mmCIF file of all heavy atoms, coordinates in Angstrom:
data_MODEL
# 
_entry.id   MODEL 
# 
loop_
_atom_site.group_PDB 
_atom_site.id 
_atom_site.type_symbol 
_atom_site.label_atom_id 
_atom_site.label_alt_id 
_atom_site.label_comp_id 
_atom_site.label_asym_id 
_atom_site.label_entity_id 
_atom_site.label_seq_id 
_atom_site.pdbx_PDB_ins_code 
_atom_site.Cartn_x 
_atom_site.Cartn_y 
_atom_site.Cartn_z 
_atom_site.occupancy 
_atom_site.B_iso_or_equiv 
_atom_site.pdbx_formal_charge 
_atom_site.auth_seq_id 
_atom_site.auth_comp_id 
_atom_site.auth_asym_id 
_atom_site.auth_atom_id 
_atom_site.pdbx_PDB_model_num 
ATOM 1   N N   . PHE A 1 1  ? -2.476  16.788  18.886 1.00 0.00 ? 1  PHE A N   1 
ATOM 2   C CA  . PHE A 1 1  ? -2.754  18.200  18.648 1.00 0.00 ? 1  PHE A CA  1 
ATOM 3   C C   . PHE A 1 1  ? -2.273  18.535  17.248 1.00 0.00 ? 1  PHE A C   1 
ATOM 4   O O   . PHE A 1 1  ? -1.072  18.476  16.965 1.00 0.00 ? 1  PHE A O   1 
ATOM 5   C CB  . PHE A 1 1  ? -2.042  19.069  19.680 1.00 0.00 ? 1  PHE A CB  1 
ATOM 6   C CG  . PHE A 1 1  ? -2.205  20.544  19.441 1.00 0.00 ? 1  PHE A CG  1 
ATOM 7   C CD1 . PHE A 1 1  ? -3.468  21.111  19.381 1.00 0.00 ? 1  PHE A CD1 1 
ATOM 8   C CD2 . PHE A 1 1  ? -1.099  21.362  19.264 1.00 0.00 ? 1  PHE A CD2 1 
ATOM 9   C CE1 . PHE A 1 1  ? -3.631  22.473  19.169 1.00 0.00 ? 1  PHE A CE1 1 
ATOM 10  C CE2 . PHE A 1 1  ? -1.241  22.719  19.047 1.00 0.00 ? 1  PHE A CE2 1 
ATOM 11  C CZ  . PHE A 1 1  ? -2.504  23.273  18.998 1.00 0.00 ? 1  PHE A CZ  1 
ATOM 12  N N   . GLY A 1 2  ? -3.213  18.824  16.372 1.00 0.00 ? 2  GLY A N   1 
ATOM 13  C CA  . GLY A 1 2  ? -2.841  18.994  14.981 1.00 0.00 ? 2  GLY A CA  1 
ATOM 14  C C   . GLY A 1 2  ? -2.312  17.676  14.448 1.00 0.00 ? 2  GLY A C   1 
ATOM 15  O O   . GLY A 1 2  ? -2.933  16.624  14.579 1.00 0.00 ? 2  GLY A O   1 
ATOM 16  N N   . GLY A 1 3  ? -1.123  17.686  13.894 1.00 0.00 ? 3  GLY A N   1 
ATOM 17  C CA  . GLY A 1 3  ? -0.519  16.455  13.391 1.00 0.00 ? 3  GLY A CA  1 
ATOM 18  C C   . GLY A 1 3  ? 0.384   15.772  14.391 1.00 0.00 ? 3  GLY A C   1 
ATOM 19  O O   . GLY A 1 3  ? 0.995   14.748  14.078 1.00 0.00 ? 3  GLY A O   1 
ATOM 20  N N   . LEU A 1 4  ? 0.477   16.301  15.612 1.00 0.00 ? 4  LEU A N   1 
ATOM 21  C CA  . LEU A 1 4  ? 1.382   15.758  16.622 1.00 0.00 ? 4  LEU A CA  1 
ATOM 22  C C   . LEU A 1 4  ? 0.699   14.683  17.456 1.00 0.00 ? 4  LEU A C   1 
ATOM 23  O O   . LEU A 1 4  ? -0.438  14.843  17.898 1.00 0.00 ? 4  LEU A O   1 
ATOM 24  C CB  . LEU A 1 4  ? 1.867   16.884  17.535 1.00 0.00 ? 4  LEU A CB  1 
ATOM 25  C CG  . LEU A 1 4  ? 2.833   16.487  18.660 1.00 0.00 ? 4  LEU A CG  1 
ATOM 26  C CD1 . LEU A 1 4  ? 4.174   16.049  18.068 1.00 0.00 ? 4  LEU A CD1 1 
ATOM 27  C CD2 . LEU A 1 4  ? 3.021   17.646  19.632 1.00 0.00 ? 4  LEU A CD2 1 
ATOM 28  N N   . THR A 1 5  ? 1.386   13.554  17.679 1.00 0.00 ? 5  THR A N   1 
ATOM 29  C CA  . THR A 1 5  ? 0.951   12.497  18.593 1.00 0.00 ? 5  THR A CA  1 
ATOM 30  C C   . THR A 1 5  ? 2.086   12.224  19.566 1.00 0.00 ? 5  THR A C   1 
ATOM 31  O O   . THR A 1 5  ? 3.230   12.009  19.142 1.00 0.00 ? 5  THR A O   1 
ATOM 32  C CB  . THR A 1 5  ? 0.614   11.199  17.846 1.00 0.00 ? 5  THR A CB  1 
ATOM 33  O OG1 . THR A 1 5  ? -0.436  11.443  16.899 1.00 0.00 ? 5  THR A OG1 1 
ATOM 34  C CG2 . THR A 1 5  ? 0.158   10.114  18.816 1.00 0.00 ? 5  THR A CG2 1 
ATOM 35  N N   . ALA A 1 6  ? 1.785   12.215  20.872 1.00 0.00 ? 6  ALA A N   1 
ATOM 36  C CA  . ALA A 1 6  ? 2.812   11.997  21.884 1.00 0.00 ? 6  ALA A CA  1 
ATOM 37  C C   . ALA A 1 6  ? 2.237   11.155  23.016 1.00 0.00 ? 6  ALA A C   1 
ATOM 38  O O   . ALA A 1 6  ? 1.163   11.465  23.539 1.00 0.00 ? 6  ALA A O   1 
ATOM 39  C CB  . ALA A 1 6  ? 3.336   13.323  22.428 1.00 0.00 ? 6  ALA A CB  1 
ATOM 40  N N   . GLY A 1 7  ? 2.947   10.084  23.372 1.00 0.00 ? 7  GLY A N   1 
ATOM 41  C CA  . GLY A 1 7  ? 2.495   9.229   24.463 1.00 0.00 ? 7  GLY A CA  1 
ATOM 42  C C   . GLY A 1 7  ? 2.709   7.765   24.144 1.00 0.00 ? 7  GLY A C   1 
ATOM 43  O O   . GLY A 1 7  ? 3.585   7.390   23.340 1.00 0.00 ? 7  GLY A O   1 
ATOM 44  N N   . LEU A 1 8  ? 1.918   6.915   24.774 1.00 0.00 ? 8  LEU A N   1 
ATOM 45  C CA  . LEU A 1 8  ? 1.956   5.471   24.547 1.00 0.00 ? 8  LEU A CA  1 
ATOM 46  C C   . LEU A 1 8  ? 0.876   5.131   23.528 1.00 0.00 ? 8  LEU A C   1 
ATOM 47  O O   . LEU A 1 8  ? -0.327  5.230   23.820 1.00 0.00 ? 8  LEU A O   1 
ATOM 48  C CB  . LEU A 1 8  ? 1.721   4.726   25.865 1.00 0.00 ? 8  LEU A CB  1 
ATOM 49  C CG  . LEU A 1 8  ? 1.676   3.193   25.802 1.00 0.00 ? 8  LEU A CG  1 
ATOM 50  C CD1 . LEU A 1 8  ? 3.009   2.631   25.314 1.00 0.00 ? 8  LEU A CD1 1 
ATOM 51  C CD2 . LEU A 1 8  ? 1.330   2.620   27.174 1.00 0.00 ? 8  LEU A CD2 1 
ATOM 52  N N   . ALA A 1 9  ? 1.279   4.722   22.337 1.00 0.00 ? 9  ALA A N   1 
ATOM 53  C CA  . ALA A 1 9  ? 0.327   4.530   21.241 1.00 0.00 ? 9  ALA A CA  1 
ATOM 54  C C   . ALA A 1 9  ? 0.814   3.420   20.319 1.00 0.00 ? 9  ALA A C   1 
ATOM 55  O O   . ALA A 1 9  ? 1.943   2.934   20.439 1.00 0.00 ? 9  ALA A O   1 
ATOM 56  C CB  . ALA A 1 9  ? 0.149   5.830   20.451 1.00 0.00 ? 9  ALA A CB  1 
ATOM 57  N N   . GLN A 1 10 ? -0.057  3.022   19.392 1.00 0.00 ? 10 GLN A N   1 
ATOM 58  C CA  . GLN A 1 10 ? 0.310   2.022   18.392 1.00 0.00 ? 10 GLN A CA  1 
ATOM 59  C C   . GLN A 1 10 ? 1.466   2.540   17.557 1.00 0.00 ? 10 GLN A C   1 
ATOM 60  O O   . GLN A 1 10 ? 1.487   3.699   17.122 1.00 0.00 ? 10 GLN A O   1 
ATOM 61  C CB  . GLN A 1 10 ? -0.883  1.736   17.487 1.00 0.00 ? 10 GLN A CB  1 
ATOM 62  C CG  . GLN A 1 10 ? -0.690  0.597   16.516 1.00 0.00 ? 10 GLN A CG  1 
ATOM 63  C CD  . GLN A 1 10 ? -0.936  -0.766  17.151 1.00 0.00 ? 10 GLN A CD  1 
ATOM 64  O OE1 . GLN A 1 10 ? -1.831  -0.897  17.969 1.00 0.00 ? 10 GLN A OE1 1 
ATOM 65  N NE2 . GLN A 1 10 ? -0.149  -1.755  16.776 1.00 0.00 ? 10 GLN A NE2 1 
ATOM 66  N N   . SER A 1 11 ? 2.456   1.681   17.332 1.00 0.00 ? 11 SER A N   1 
ATOM 67  C CA  . SER A 1 11 ? 3.590   2.072   16.508 1.00 0.00 ? 11 SER A CA  1 
ATOM 68  C C   . SER A 1 11 ? 3.120   2.523   15.133 1.00 0.00 ? 11 SER A C   1 
ATOM 69  O O   . SER A 1 11 ? 2.234   1.910   14.524 1.00 0.00 ? 11 SER A O   1 
ATOM 70  C CB  . SER A 1 11 ? 4.556   0.896   16.362 1.00 0.00 ? 11 SER A CB  1 
ATOM 71  O OG  . SER A 1 11 ? 5.562   1.191   15.405 1.00 0.00 ? 11 SER A OG  1 
ATOM 72  N N   . PHE A 1 12 ? 3.718   3.578   14.617 1.00 0.00 ? 12 PHE A N   1 
ATOM 73  C CA  . PHE A 1 12 ? 3.357   4.079   13.305 1.00 0.00 ? 12 PHE A CA  1 
ATOM 74  C C   . PHE A 1 12 ? 3.867   3.151   12.196 1.00 0.00 ? 12 PHE A C   1 
ATOM 75  O O   . PHE A 1 12 ? 3.505   3.327   11.029 1.00 0.00 ? 12 PHE A O   1 
ATOM 76  C CB  . PHE A 1 12 ? 3.886   5.496   13.122 1.00 0.00 ? 12 PHE A CB  1 
ATOM 77  C CG  . PHE A 1 12 ? 3.008   6.543   13.743 1.00 0.00 ? 12 PHE A CG  1 
ATOM 78  C CD1 . PHE A 1 12 ? 2.936   6.680   15.117 1.00 0.00 ? 12 PHE A CD1 1 
ATOM 79  C CD2 . PHE A 1 12 ? 2.227   7.370   12.959 1.00 0.00 ? 12 PHE A CD2 1 
ATOM 80  C CE1 . PHE A 1 12 ? 2.114   7.631   15.707 1.00 0.00 ? 12 PHE A CE1 1 
ATOM 81  C CE2 . PHE A 1 12 ? 1.390   8.329   13.530 1.00 0.00 ? 12 PHE A CE2 1 
ATOM 82  C CZ  . PHE A 1 12 ? 1.335   8.450   14.907 1.00 0.00 ? 12 PHE A CZ  1 
ATOM 83  N N   . TYR A 1 13 ? 4.663   2.173   12.540 1.00 0.00 ? 13 TYR A N   1 
ATOM 84  C CA  . TYR A 1 13 ? 5.136   1.180   11.583 1.00 0.00 ? 13 TYR A CA  1 
ATOM 85  C C   . TYR A 1 13 ? 4.050   0.161   11.244 1.00 0.00 ? 13 TYR A C   1 
ATOM 86  O O   . TYR A 1 13 ? 4.017   -0.386  10.139 1.00 0.00 ? 13 TYR A O   1 
ATOM 87  C CB  . TYR A 1 13 ? 6.345   0.454   12.180 1.00 0.00 ? 13 TYR A CB  1 
ATOM 88  C CG  . TYR A 1 13 ? 6.967   -0.605  11.310 1.00 0.00 ? 13 TYR A CG  1 
ATOM 89  C CD1 . TYR A 1 13 ? 7.983   -0.291  10.410 1.00 0.00 ? 13 TYR A CD1 1 
ATOM 90  C CD2 . TYR A 1 13 ? 6.569   -1.939  11.405 1.00 0.00 ? 13 TYR A CD2 1 
ATOM 91  C CE1 . TYR A 1 13 ? 8.573   -1.271  9.627  1.00 0.00 ? 13 TYR A CE1 1 
ATOM 92  C CE2 . TYR A 1 13 ? 7.151   -2.920  10.624 1.00 0.00 ? 13 TYR A CE2 1 
ATOM 93  C CZ  . TYR A 1 13 ? 8.149   -2.585  9.728  1.00 0.00 ? 13 TYR A CZ  1 
ATOM 94  O OH  . TYR A 1 13 ? 8.727   -3.557  8.949  1.00 0.00 ? 13 TYR A OH  1 
ATOM 95  N N   . ASP A 1 14 ? 3.135   -0.089  12.178 1.00 0.00 ? 14 ASP A N   1 
ATOM 96  C CA  . ASP A 1 14 ? 2.192   -1.194  12.072 1.00 0.00 ? 14 ASP A CA  1 
ATOM 97  C C   . ASP A 1 14 ? 1.089   -0.928  11.051 1.00 0.00 ? 14 ASP A C   1 
ATOM 98  O O   . ASP A 1 14 ? 0.685   0.218   10.827 1.00 0.00 ? 14 ASP A O   1 
ATOM 99  C CB  . ASP A 1 14 ? 1.554   -1.485  13.428 1.00 0.00 ? 14 ASP A CB  1 
ATOM 100 C CG  . ASP A 1 14 ? 2.587   -1.955  14.449 1.00 0.00 ? 14 ASP A CG  1 
ATOM 101 O OD1 . ASP A 1 14 ? 3.669   -2.390  14.035 1.00 0.00 ? 14 ASP A OD1 1 
ATOM 102 O OD2 . ASP A 1 14 ? 2.309   -1.867  15.657 1.00 0.00 ? 14 ASP A OD2 1 
ATOM 103 N N   . TYR A 1 15 ? 0.602   -2.034  10.485 1.00 0.00 ? 15 TYR A N   1 
ATOM 104 C CA  . TYR A 1 15 ? -0.518  -1.992  9.539  1.00 0.00 ? 15 TYR A CA  1 
ATOM 105 C C   . TYR A 1 15 ? -1.379  -3.208  9.818  1.00 0.00 ? 15 TYR A C   1 
ATOM 106 O O   . TYR A 1 15 ? -0.967  -4.353  9.583  1.00 0.00 ? 15 TYR A O   1 
ATOM 107 C CB  . TYR A 1 15 ? 0.014   -2.015  8.100  1.00 0.00 ? 15 TYR A CB  1 
ATOM 108 C CG  . TYR A 1 15 ? -1.061  -2.022  7.037  1.00 0.00 ? 15 TYR A CG  1 
ATOM 109 C CD1 . TYR A 1 15 ? -1.799  -0.872  6.768  1.00 0.00 ? 15 TYR A CD1 1 
ATOM 110 C CD2 . TYR A 1 15 ? -1.327  -3.166  6.288  1.00 0.00 ? 15 TYR A CD2 1 
ATOM 111 C CE1 . TYR A 1 15 ? -2.772  -0.862  5.788  1.00 0.00 ? 15 TYR A CE1 1 
ATOM 112 C CE2 . TYR A 1 15 ? -2.297  -3.170  5.302  1.00 0.00 ? 15 TYR A CE2 1 
ATOM 113 C CZ  . TYR A 1 15 ? -3.023  -2.013  5.052  1.00 0.00 ? 15 TYR A CZ  1 
ATOM 114 O OH  . TYR A 1 15 ? -3.994  -2.014  4.085  1.00 0.00 ? 15 TYR A OH  1 
ATOM 115 N N   . ILE A 1 16 ? -2.579  -2.992  10.365 1.00 0.00 ? 16 ILE A N   1 
ATOM 116 C CA  . ILE A 1 16 ? -3.440  -4.094  10.796 1.00 0.00 ? 16 ILE A CA  1 
ATOM 117 C C   . ILE A 1 16 ? -4.871  -3.841  10.319 1.00 0.00 ? 16 ILE A C   1 
ATOM 118 O O   . ILE A 1 16 ? -5.672  -3.217  11.022 1.00 0.00 ? 16 ILE A O   1 
ATOM 119 C CB  . ILE A 1 16 ? -3.431  -4.239  12.329 1.00 0.00 ? 16 ILE A CB  1 
ATOM 120 C CG1 . ILE A 1 16 ? -1.993  -4.253  12.861 1.00 0.00 ? 16 ILE A CG1 1 
ATOM 121 C CG2 . ILE A 1 16 ? -4.156  -5.510  12.758 1.00 0.00 ? 16 ILE A CG2 1 
ATOM 122 C CD1 . ILE A 1 16 ? -1.897  -4.224  14.356 1.00 0.00 ? 16 ILE A CD1 1 
ATOM 123 N N   . PRO A 1 17 ? -5.234  -4.287  9.125  1.00 0.00 ? 17 PRO A N   1 
ATOM 124 C CA  . PRO A 1 17 ? -6.616  -4.111  8.666  1.00 0.00 ? 17 PRO A CA  1 
ATOM 125 C C   . PRO A 1 17 ? -7.628  -4.816  9.568  1.00 0.00 ? 17 PRO A C   1 
ATOM 126 O O   . PRO A 1 17 ? -8.677  -4.283  9.878  1.00 0.00 ? 17 PRO A O   1 
ATOM 127 C CB  . PRO A 1 17 ? -6.592  -4.704  7.259  1.00 0.00 ? 17 PRO A CB  1 
ATOM 128 C CG  . PRO A 1 17 ? -5.167  -4.616  6.830  1.00 0.00 ? 17 PRO A CG  1 
ATOM 129 C CD  . PRO A 1 17 ? -4.383  -4.851  8.083  1.00 0.00 ? 17 PRO A CD  1 
ATOM 130 N N   . PHE A 1 18 ? -7.358  -6.067  9.951  1.00 0.00 ? 18 PHE A N   1 
ATOM 131 C CA  . PHE A 1 18 ? -8.164  -6.792  10.936 1.00 0.00 ? 18 PHE A CA  1 
ATOM 132 C C   . PHE A 1 18 ? -7.301  -7.909  11.497 1.00 0.00 ? 18 PHE A C   1 
ATOM 133 O O   . PHE A 1 18 ? -6.311  -8.334  10.881 1.00 0.00 ? 18 PHE A O   1 
ATOM 134 C CB  . PHE A 1 18 ? -9.470  -7.342  10.344 1.00 0.00 ? 18 PHE A CB  1 
ATOM 135 C CG  . PHE A 1 18 ? -9.306  -8.244  9.163  1.00 0.00 ? 18 PHE A CG  1 
ATOM 136 C CD1 . PHE A 1 18 ? -9.055  -9.605  9.327  1.00 0.00 ? 18 PHE A CD1 1 
ATOM 137 C CD2 . PHE A 1 18 ? -9.404  -7.749  7.871  1.00 0.00 ? 18 PHE A CD2 1 
ATOM 138 C CE1 . PHE A 1 18 ? -8.912  -10.442 8.235  1.00 0.00 ? 18 PHE A CE1 1 
ATOM 139 C CE2 . PHE A 1 18 ? -9.258  -8.584  6.762  1.00 0.00 ? 18 PHE A CE2 1 
ATOM 140 C CZ  . PHE A 1 18 ? -9.009  -9.936  6.943  1.00 0.00 ? 18 PHE A CZ  1 
ATOM 141 N N   . GLY A 1 19 ? -7.656  -8.383  12.694 1.00 0.00 ? 19 GLY A N   1 
ATOM 142 C CA  . GLY A 1 19 ? -6.814  -9.346  13.364 1.00 0.00 ? 19 GLY A CA  1 
ATOM 143 C C   . GLY A 1 19 ? -7.487  -10.684 13.583 1.00 0.00 ? 19 GLY A C   1 
ATOM 144 O O   . GLY A 1 19 ? -8.594  -10.943 13.092 1.00 0.00 ? 19 GLY A O   1 
ATOM 145 N N   . PHE A 1 20 ? -6.802  -11.522 14.341 1.00 0.00 ? 20 PHE A N   1 
ATOM 146 C CA  . PHE A 1 20 ? -7.274  -12.858 14.673 1.00 0.00 ? 20 PHE A CA  1 
ATOM 147 C C   . PHE A 1 20 ? -7.169  -13.066 16.178 1.00 0.00 ? 20 PHE A C   1 
ATOM 148 O O   . PHE A 1 20 ? -6.494  -12.321 16.881 1.00 0.00 ? 20 PHE A O   1 
ATOM 149 C CB  . PHE A 1 20 ? -6.455  -13.913 13.930 1.00 0.00 ? 20 PHE A CB  1 
ATOM 150 C CG  . PHE A 1 20 ? -6.705  -13.931 12.452 1.00 0.00 ? 20 PHE A CG  1 
ATOM 151 C CD1 . PHE A 1 20 ? -6.090  -13.011 11.623 1.00 0.00 ? 20 PHE A CD1 1 
ATOM 152 C CD2 . PHE A 1 20 ? -7.569  -14.860 11.897 1.00 0.00 ? 20 PHE A CD2 1 
ATOM 153 C CE1 . PHE A 1 20 ? -6.326  -13.012 10.259 1.00 0.00 ? 20 PHE A CE1 1 
ATOM 154 C CE2 . PHE A 1 20 ? -7.809  -14.871 10.533 1.00 0.00 ? 20 PHE A CE2 1 
ATOM 155 C CZ  . PHE A 1 20 ? -7.194  -13.944 9.708  1.00 0.00 ? 20 PHE A CZ  1 
ATOM 156 N N   . TYR A 1 21 ? -7.838  -14.086 16.684 1.00 0.00 ? 21 TYR A N   1 
ATOM 157 C CA  . TYR A 1 21 ? -7.748  -14.390 18.103 1.00 0.00 ? 21 TYR A CA  1 
ATOM 158 C C   . TYR A 1 21 ? -6.332  -14.807 18.474 1.00 0.00 ? 21 TYR A C   1 
ATOM 159 O O   . TYR A 1 21 ? -5.821  -14.454 19.532 1.00 0.00 ? 21 TYR A O   1 
ATOM 160 C CB  . TYR A 1 21 ? -8.706  -15.526 18.480 1.00 0.00 ? 21 TYR A CB  1 
ATOM 161 C CG  . TYR A 1 21 ? -10.171 -15.201 18.332 1.00 0.00 ? 21 TYR A CG  1 
ATOM 162 C CD1 . TYR A 1 21 ? -11.136 -16.158 18.592 1.00 0.00 ? 21 TYR A CD1 1 
ATOM 163 C CD2 . TYR A 1 21 ? -10.603 -13.937 17.937 1.00 0.00 ? 21 TYR A CD2 1 
ATOM 164 C CE1 . TYR A 1 21 ? -12.486 -15.891 18.463 1.00 0.00 ? 21 TYR A CE1 1 
ATOM 165 C CE2 . TYR A 1 21 ? -11.940 -13.651 17.798 1.00 0.00 ? 21 TYR A CE2 1 
ATOM 166 C CZ  . TYR A 1 21 ? -12.884 -14.632 18.062 1.00 0.00 ? 21 TYR A CZ  1 
ATOM 167 O OH  . TYR A 1 21 ? -14.219 -14.359 17.931 1.00 0.00 ? 21 TYR A OH  1 
ATOM 168 N N   . LEU A 1 22 ? -5.707  -15.610 17.609 1.00 0.00 ? 22 LEU A N   1 
ATOM 169 C CA  . LEU A 1 22 ? -4.355  -16.089 17.861 1.00 0.00 ? 22 LEU A CA  1 
ATOM 170 C C   . LEU A 1 22 ? -3.413  -14.908 18.040 1.00 0.00 ? 22 LEU A C   1 
ATOM 171 O O   . LEU A 1 22 ? -2.635  -14.861 18.976 1.00 0.00 ? 22 LEU A O   1 
ATOM 172 C CB  . LEU A 1 22 ? -3.885  -16.973 16.714 1.00 0.00 ? 22 LEU A CB  1 
ATOM 173 C CG  . LEU A 1 22 ? -2.446  -17.479 16.781 1.00 0.00 ? 22 LEU A CG  1 
ATOM 174 C CD1 . LEU A 1 22 ? -2.261  -18.395 17.967 1.00 0.00 ? 22 LEU A CD1 1 
ATOM 175 C CD2 . LEU A 1 22 ? -2.064  -18.189 15.485 1.00 0.00 ? 22 LEU A CD2 1 
ATOM 176 N N   . ALA A 1 23 ? -3.471  -13.980 17.179 1.00 0.00 ? 23 ALA A N   1 
ATOM 177 C CA  . ALA A 1 23 ? -2.684  -12.741 17.215 1.00 0.00 ? 23 ALA A CA  1 
ATOM 178 C C   . ALA A 1 23 ? -2.898  -12.041 15.896 1.00 0.00 ? 23 ALA A C   1 
ATOM 179 O O   . ALA A 1 23 ? -3.369  -12.640 14.933 1.00 0.00 ? 23 ALA A O   1 
ATOM 180 C CB  . ALA A 1 23 ? -1.196  -13.018 17.429 1.00 0.00 ? 23 ALA A CB  1 
ATOM 181 N N   . SER A 1 24 ? -2.550  -10.784 15.832 1.00 0.00 ? 24 SER A N   1 
ATOM 182 C CA  . SER A 1 24 ? -2.544  -10.112 14.547 1.00 0.00 ? 24 SER A CA  1 
ATOM 183 C C   . SER A 1 24 ? -1.390  -10.689 13.748 1.00 0.00 ? 24 SER A C   1 
ATOM 184 O O   . SER A 1 24 ? -0.266  -10.777 14.237 1.00 0.00 ? 24 SER A O   1 
ATOM 185 C CB  . SER A 1 24 ? -2.354  -8.604  14.730 1.00 0.00 ? 24 SER A CB  1 
ATOM 186 O OG  . SER A 1 24 ? -3.452  -8.055  15.412 1.00 0.00 ? 24 SER A OG  1 
ATOM 187 N N   . LEU A 1 25 ? -1.669  -11.110 12.532 1.00 0.00 ? 25 LEU A N   1 
ATOM 188 C CA  . LEU A 1 25 ? -0.630  -11.747 11.731 1.00 0.00 ? 25 LEU A CA  1 
ATOM 189 C C   . LEU A 1 25 ? 0.230   -10.691 11.052 1.00 0.00 ? 25 LEU A C   1 
ATOM 190 O O   . LEU A 1 25 ? 0.388   -10.637 9.845  1.00 0.00 ? 25 LEU A O   1 
ATOM 191 C CB  . LEU A 1 25 ? -1.273  -12.678 10.698 1.00 0.00 ? 25 LEU A CB  1 
ATOM 192 C CG  . LEU A 1 25 ? -2.169  -13.771 11.285 1.00 0.00 ? 25 LEU A CG  1 
ATOM 193 C CD1 . LEU A 1 25 ? -2.698  -14.664 10.186 1.00 0.00 ? 25 LEU A CD1 1 
ATOM 194 C CD2 . LEU A 1 25 ? -1.417  -14.594 12.315 1.00 0.00 ? 25 LEU A CD2 1 
ATOM 195 N N   . ALA A 1 26 ? 0.792   -9.799  11.855 1.00 0.00 ? 26 ALA A N   1 
ATOM 196 C CA  . ALA A 1 26 ? 1.634   -8.714  11.365 1.00 0.00 ? 26 ALA A CA  1 
ATOM 197 C C   . ALA A 1 26 ? 2.209   -8.009  12.579 1.00 0.00 ? 26 ALA A C   1 
ATOM 198 O O   . ALA A 1 26 ? 1.991   -8.420  13.716 1.00 0.00 ? 26 ALA A O   1 
ATOM 199 C CB  . ALA A 1 26 ? 0.821   -7.736  10.505 1.00 0.00 ? 26 ALA A CB  1 
ATOM 200 N N   . GLY A 1 27 ? 2.951   -6.920  12.364 1.00 0.00 ? 27 GLY A N   1 
ATOM 201 C CA  . GLY A 1 27 ? 3.477   -6.154  13.484 1.00 0.00 ? 27 GLY A CA  1 
ATOM 202 C C   . GLY A 1 27 ? 2.349   -5.561  14.313 1.00 0.00 ? 27 GLY A C   1 
ATOM 203 O O   . GLY A 1 27 ? 1.394   -5.004  13.768 1.00 0.00 ? 27 GLY A O   1 
ATOM 204 N N   . ASP A 1 28 ? 2.440   -5.700  15.632 1.00 0.00 ? 28 ASP A N   1 
ATOM 205 C CA  . ASP A 1 28 ? 1.406   -5.179  16.520 1.00 0.00 ? 28 ASP A CA  1 
ATOM 206 C C   . ASP A 1 28 ? 2.090   -4.771  17.819 1.00 0.00 ? 28 ASP A C   1 
ATOM 207 O O   . ASP A 1 28 ? 2.277   -5.576  18.713 1.00 0.00 ? 28 ASP A O   1 
ATOM 208 C CB  . ASP A 1 28 ? 0.344   -6.243  16.778 1.00 0.00 ? 28 ASP A CB  1 
ATOM 209 C CG  . ASP A 1 28 ? -0.831  -5.703  17.590 1.00 0.00 ? 28 ASP A CG  1 
ATOM 210 O OD1 . ASP A 1 28 ? -0.858  -4.486  17.851 1.00 0.00 ? 28 ASP A OD1 1 
ATOM 211 O OD2 . ASP A 1 28 ? -1.703  -6.500  17.957 1.00 0.00 ? 28 ASP A OD2 1 
ATOM 212 N N   . GLN A 1 29 ? 2.498   -3.496  17.913 1.00 0.00 ? 29 GLN A N   1 
ATOM 213 C CA  . GLN A 1 29 ? 3.337   -3.062  19.019 1.00 0.00 ? 29 GLN A CA  1 
ATOM 214 C C   . GLN A 1 29 ? 2.922   -1.672  19.487 1.00 0.00 ? 29 GLN A C   1 
ATOM 215 O O   . GLN A 1 29 ? 2.874   -0.736  18.701 1.00 0.00 ? 29 GLN A O   1 
ATOM 216 C CB  . GLN A 1 29 ? 4.798   -3.012  18.571 1.00 0.00 ? 29 GLN A CB  1 
ATOM 217 C CG  . GLN A 1 29 ? 5.770   -2.531  19.624 1.00 0.00 ? 29 GLN A CG  1 
ATOM 218 C CD  . GLN A 1 29 ? 5.990   -3.565  20.708 1.00 0.00 ? 29 GLN A CD  1 
ATOM 219 O OE1 . GLN A 1 29 ? 6.432   -4.664  20.443 1.00 0.00 ? 29 GLN A OE1 1 
ATOM 220 N NE2 . GLN A 1 29 ? 5.664   -3.201  21.941 1.00 0.00 ? 29 GLN A NE2 1 
# 
């Protein structure tokens, strides 16, 4: 709502332009 996000969501720390089958080669939480 507006700029507020609340619930179970992707961590705001993460940065994932695109991933791989093995796993995203970065933080993914």
